Structure formats: C-alpha cells, structure tokens
Amino acid sequence: MATPGIQHGVFRKLRLGQYPIEARLDLHRMTVEQARREVFGFIGDCVRYGLRSVIILHGKGERNPDGIAQLKSYLAKWLPELDDVMAFHSAQKHHGGTGAVYVMVRKGDRDKQHNRELHSRR
C-alpha cells in the first residue's frame, strides 16, 4: 500500500527490498496491545531519528492454534492510520517473506529543511 504521491519506482524499489533496512522491530510473542504500542512508538522514533526504510517482523501465525497471523492483519490496519507511513509491503523471502513488512517512513521536518537548504544552493 502506498499513499498518493509516492512515485511508482520508489514503491517498486521498496516492494523488492532494494532499500537498505535502517531499523527493525520484532513483534513475535507480543499481545495485540503490546504490538500496537510498539509499532506506533517505533514509527515515531524512525521519524525522530531520520530513518526512512525499516522492517517490522510480525510472524506468520504458525505458533497460533488457529494458524492465523493475527498481527499481520492488525498491522495492515494500523500502518495506513499513521501519517508518517508513506508505504508498506510484504517483505521479500530473504527478509522474512509474508512474516514481515517493509515500511517507508516520511521524512521528519529537520530532514526536509536540510534538503531544502541543500538544493536551494544550486
């Protein structure tokens, strides 16, 4: 899922796992409520520290008696609610496949200002 304004090539690169992973959040063995707090805090921290391409490991639900990846469903609901999330997609197999999700995080104000200053000097 990508928000409007994301260039096709940028989303494609995210989907293919071609951006370096700058941070990782592992939700294994967390309750839904714990996971929600962690996800919202993690995305906020990413913006604060200028991290743009991150991964969240949610698991495939193999340990659940019903075999359902509950946290994956919740993540698909939570991530679009966060204004700082520009795009997300299931990870490539070598990064956890359907048990993980790549997330592209919006630039923080400080980084935006830095880019403006950098490019206005040309």
C-alpha atoms as a PDB file:
ATOM      1  CA  MET A   1       0.000   0.000   0.000  1.00  0.00           C
ATOM      2  CA  ALA A   2       1.317   3.435  -0.907  1.00  0.00           C
ATOM      3  CA  THR A   3      -0.041   6.879  -0.163  1.00  0.00           C
ATOM      4  CA  PRO A   4      -0.834   9.203  -3.078  1.00  0.00           C
ATOM      5  CA  GLY A   5       2.276  10.980  -4.319  1.00  0.00           C
ATOM      6  CA  ILE A   6       4.640   8.025  -3.978  1.00  0.00           C
ATOM      7  CA  GLN A   7       6.485   7.541  -7.245  1.00  0.00           C
ATOM      8  CA  HIS A   8       5.978   4.153  -8.886  1.00  0.00           C
ATOM      9  CA  GLY A   9       9.739   3.482  -8.983  1.00  0.00           C
ATOM     10  CA  VAL A  10      10.122   4.276  -5.285  1.00  0.00           C
ATOM     11  CA  PHE A  11       7.305   1.897  -4.311  1.00  0.00           C
ATOM     12  CA  ARG A  12       8.694  -0.787  -6.624  1.00  0.00           C
ATOM     13  CA  LYS A  13      12.120  -0.491  -5.010  1.00  0.00           C
ATOM     14  CA  LEU A  14      10.524  -0.808  -1.545  1.00  0.00           C
ATOM     15  CA  ARG A  15       8.458  -3.820  -2.643  1.00  0.00           C
ATOM     16  CA  LEU A  16      11.570  -5.542  -3.993  1.00  0.00           C
ATOM     17  CA  GLY A  17      13.531  -4.892  -0.782  1.00  0.00           C
ATOM     18  CA  GLN A  18      16.119  -2.738  -2.527  1.00  0.00           C
ATOM     19  CA  TYR A  19      16.387  -0.045   0.129  1.00  0.00           C
ATOM     20  CA  PRO A  20      18.805  -0.631   3.000  1.00  0.00           C
ATOM     21  CA  ILE A  21      16.942  -1.609   6.166  1.00  0.00           C
ATOM     22  CA  GLU A  22      17.792   1.051   8.721  1.00  0.00           C
ATOM     23  CA  ALA A  23      15.855  -0.371  11.678  1.00  0.00           C
ATOM     24  CA  ARG A  24      13.896  -3.474  12.613  1.00  0.00           C
ATOM     25  CA  LEU A  25      11.019  -4.123  15.016  1.00  0.00           C
ATOM     26  CA  ASP A  26      10.242  -7.690  16.068  1.00  0.00           C
ATOM     27  CA  LEU A  27       6.667  -8.263  17.286  1.00  0.00           C
ATOM     28  CA  HIS A  28       6.980 -12.022  17.873  1.00  0.00           C
ATOM     29  CA  ARG A  29       5.279 -13.217  21.069  1.00  0.00           C
ATOM     30  CA  MET A  30       3.643  -9.829  21.757  1.00  0.00           C
ATOM     31  CA  THR A  31      -0.016  -9.308  22.522  1.00  0.00           C
ATOM     32  CA  VAL A  32      -2.017  -7.145  20.112  1.00  0.00           C
ATOM     33  CA  GLU A  33      -1.986  -4.253  22.590  1.00  0.00           C
ATOM     34  CA  GLN A  34       1.782  -4.508  23.185  1.00  0.00           C
ATOM     35  CA  ALA A  35       2.383  -4.708  19.439  1.00  0.00           C
ATOM     36  CA  ARG A  36       0.216  -1.640  18.776  1.00  0.00           C
ATOM     37  CA  ARG A  37       2.139   0.450  21.320  1.00  0.00           C
ATOM     38  CA  GLU A  38       5.467  -0.767  19.901  1.00  0.00           C
ATOM     39  CA  VAL A  39       4.513  -0.053  16.277  1.00  0.00           C
ATOM     40  CA  PHE A  40       3.254   3.467  16.957  1.00  0.00           C
ATOM     41  CA  GLY A  41       6.317   4.273  19.109  1.00  0.00           C
ATOM     42  CA  PHE A  42       8.703   2.705  16.593  1.00  0.00           C
ATOM     43  CA  ILE A  43       7.379   4.758  13.667  1.00  0.00           C
ATOM     44  CA  GLY A  44       7.605   7.933  15.786  1.00  0.00           C
ATOM     45  CA  ASP A  45      11.218   7.090  16.669  1.00  0.00           C
ATOM     46  CA  CYS A  46      12.028   6.462  13.000  1.00  0.00           C
ATOM     47  CA  VAL A  47      10.809   9.953  12.074  1.00  0.00           C
ATOM     48  CA  ARG A  48      12.700  11.475  15.012  1.00  0.00           C
ATOM     49  CA  TYR A  49      15.981   9.795  14.011  1.00  0.00           C
ATOM     50  CA  GLY A  50      15.570  10.241  10.258  1.00  0.00           C
ATOM     51  CA  LEU A  51      15.168   6.542   9.432  1.00  0.00           C
ATOM     52  CA  ARG A  52      13.278   6.083   6.173  1.00  0.00           C
ATOM     53  CA  SER A  53      13.293   2.382   5.274  1.00  0.00           C
ATOM     54  CA  VAL A  54      12.507  -0.075   8.061  1.00  0.00           C
ATOM     55  CA  ILE A  55      11.116  -3.574   8.551  1.00  0.00           C
ATOM     56  CA  ILE A  56       8.557  -4.904  11.020  1.00  0.00           C
ATOM     57  CA  LEU A  57       8.619  -8.640  11.745  1.00  0.00           C
ATOM     58  CA  HIS A  58       5.146  -9.851  12.708  1.00  0.00           C
ATOM     59  CA  GLY A  59       5.377 -13.587  12.103  1.00  0.00           C
ATOM     60  CA  LYS A  60       3.216 -15.934  10.083  1.00  0.00           C
ATOM     61  CA  GLY A  61       0.962 -17.191  12.864  1.00  0.00           C
ATOM     62  CA  GLU A  62       2.490 -20.667  12.806  1.00  0.00           C
ATOM     63  CA  ARG A  63       2.513 -20.861  16.605  1.00  0.00           C
ATOM     64  CA  ASN A  64      -1.132 -19.815  16.920  1.00  0.00           C
ATOM     65  CA  PRO A  65      -3.560 -22.713  17.412  1.00  0.00           C
ATOM     66  CA  ASP A  66      -5.702 -21.424  14.520  1.00  0.00           C
ATOM     67  CA  GLY A  67      -2.669 -20.742  12.301  1.00  0.00           C
ATOM     68  CA  ILE A  68      -3.796 -17.166  11.639  1.00  0.00           C
ATOM     69  CA  ALA A  69      -1.236 -14.351  11.518  1.00  0.00           C
ATOM     70  CA  GLN A  70      -3.211 -12.014  13.736  1.00  0.00           C
ATOM     71  CA  LEU A  71      -0.592  -9.264  13.990  1.00  0.00           C
ATOM     72  CA  LYS A  72      -0.266  -9.107  10.199  1.00  0.00           C
ATOM     73  CA  SER A  73      -3.949  -8.183   9.929  1.00  0.00           C
ATOM     74  CA  TYR A  74      -3.647  -5.565  12.647  1.00  0.00           C
ATOM     75  CA  LEU A  75      -0.533  -4.062  11.030  1.00  0.00           C
ATOM     76  CA  ALA A  76      -2.422  -3.714   7.739  1.00  0.00           C
ATOM     77  CA  LYS A  77      -4.996  -1.672   9.664  1.00  0.00           C
ATOM     78  CA  TRP A  78      -2.591   0.393  11.814  1.00  0.00           C
ATOM     79  CA  LEU A  79       0.011   1.426   9.242  1.00  0.00           C
ATOM     80  CA  PRO A  80      -2.400   3.403   6.993  1.00  0.00           C
ATOM     81  CA  GLU A  81      -3.607   5.248  10.127  1.00  0.00           C
ATOM     82  CA  LEU A  82      -0.117   6.646  10.716  1.00  0.00           C
ATOM     83  CA  ASP A  83       0.540   9.868   8.799  1.00  0.00           C
ATOM     84  CA  ASP A  84       4.281   9.187   8.935  1.00  0.00           C
ATOM     85  CA  VAL A  85       3.938   5.928   6.956  1.00  0.00           C
ATOM     86  CA  MET A  86       4.260   6.592   3.235  1.00  0.00           C
ATOM     87  CA  ALA A  87       4.130   2.997   2.012  1.00  0.00           C
ATOM     88  CA  PHE A  88       4.402  -0.613   3.147  1.00  0.00           C
ATOM     89  CA  HIS A  89       4.589  -4.025   1.524  1.00  0.00           C
ATOM     90  CA  SER A  90       5.211  -7.650   2.492  1.00  0.00           C
ATOM     91  CA  ALA A  91       8.924  -8.397   2.633  1.00  0.00           C
ATOM     92  CA  GLN A  92      10.956 -10.476   0.206  1.00  0.00           C
ATOM     93  CA  LYS A  93      11.577 -14.084   1.197  1.00  0.00           C
ATOM     94  CA  HIS A  94      15.147 -13.421   2.416  1.00  0.00           C
ATOM     95  CA  HIS A  95      13.818 -10.729   4.798  1.00  0.00           C
ATOM     96  CA  GLY A  96      11.014 -12.852   6.262  1.00  0.00           C
ATOM     97  CA  GLY A  97       8.529 -13.002   3.387  1.00  0.00           C
ATOM     98  CA  THR A  98       4.893 -12.871   4.445  1.00  0.00           C
ATOM     99  CA  GLY A  99       6.003 -12.798   8.101  1.00  0.00           C
ATOM    100  CA  ALA A 100       7.456  -9.291   7.744  1.00  0.00           C
ATOM    101  CA  VAL A 101       6.628  -5.958   6.164  1.00  0.00           C
ATOM    102  CA  TYR A 102       8.809  -3.208   4.681  1.00  0.00           C
ATOM    103  CA  VAL A 103       7.770   0.286   5.760  1.00  0.00           C
ATOM    104  CA  MET A 104       8.763   3.574   4.142  1.00  0.00           C
ATOM    105  CA  VAL A 105       8.667   6.389   6.693  1.00  0.00           C
ATOM    106  CA  ARG A 106       8.060  10.052   5.895  1.00  0.00           C
ATOM    107  CA  LYS A 107      10.949  12.487   6.305  1.00  0.00           C
ATOM    108  CA  GLY A 108      11.000  14.446   9.537  1.00  0.00           C
ATOM    109  CA  ASP A 109      10.803  18.256   9.436  1.00  0.00           C
ATOM    110  CA  ARG A 110      14.521  18.583  10.166  1.00  0.00           C
ATOM    111  CA  ASP A 111      15.423  16.390   7.170  1.00  0.00           C
ATOM    112  CA  LYS A 112      13.004  18.264   4.910  1.00  0.00           C
ATOM    113  CA  GLN A 113      14.567  21.582   5.939  1.00  0.00           C
ATOM    114  CA  HIS A 114      18.065  20.172   5.360  1.00  0.00           C
ATOM    115  CA  ASN A 115      17.077  19.057   1.837  1.00  0.00           C
ATOM    116  CA  ARG A 116      15.586  22.481   1.060  1.00  0.00           C
ATOM    117  CA  GLU A 117      18.801  24.196   2.145  1.00  0.00           C
ATOM    118  CA  LEU A 118      20.927  21.685   0.243  1.00  0.00           C
ATOM    119  CA  HIS A 119      19.034  22.069  -3.033  1.00  0.00           C
ATOM    120  CA  SER A 120      18.443  25.820  -2.881  1.00  0.00           C
ATOM    121  CA  ARG A 121      22.215  26.443  -3.128  1.00  0.00           C
ATOM    122  CA  ARG A 122      22.409  25.163  -6.695  1.00  0.00           C
END
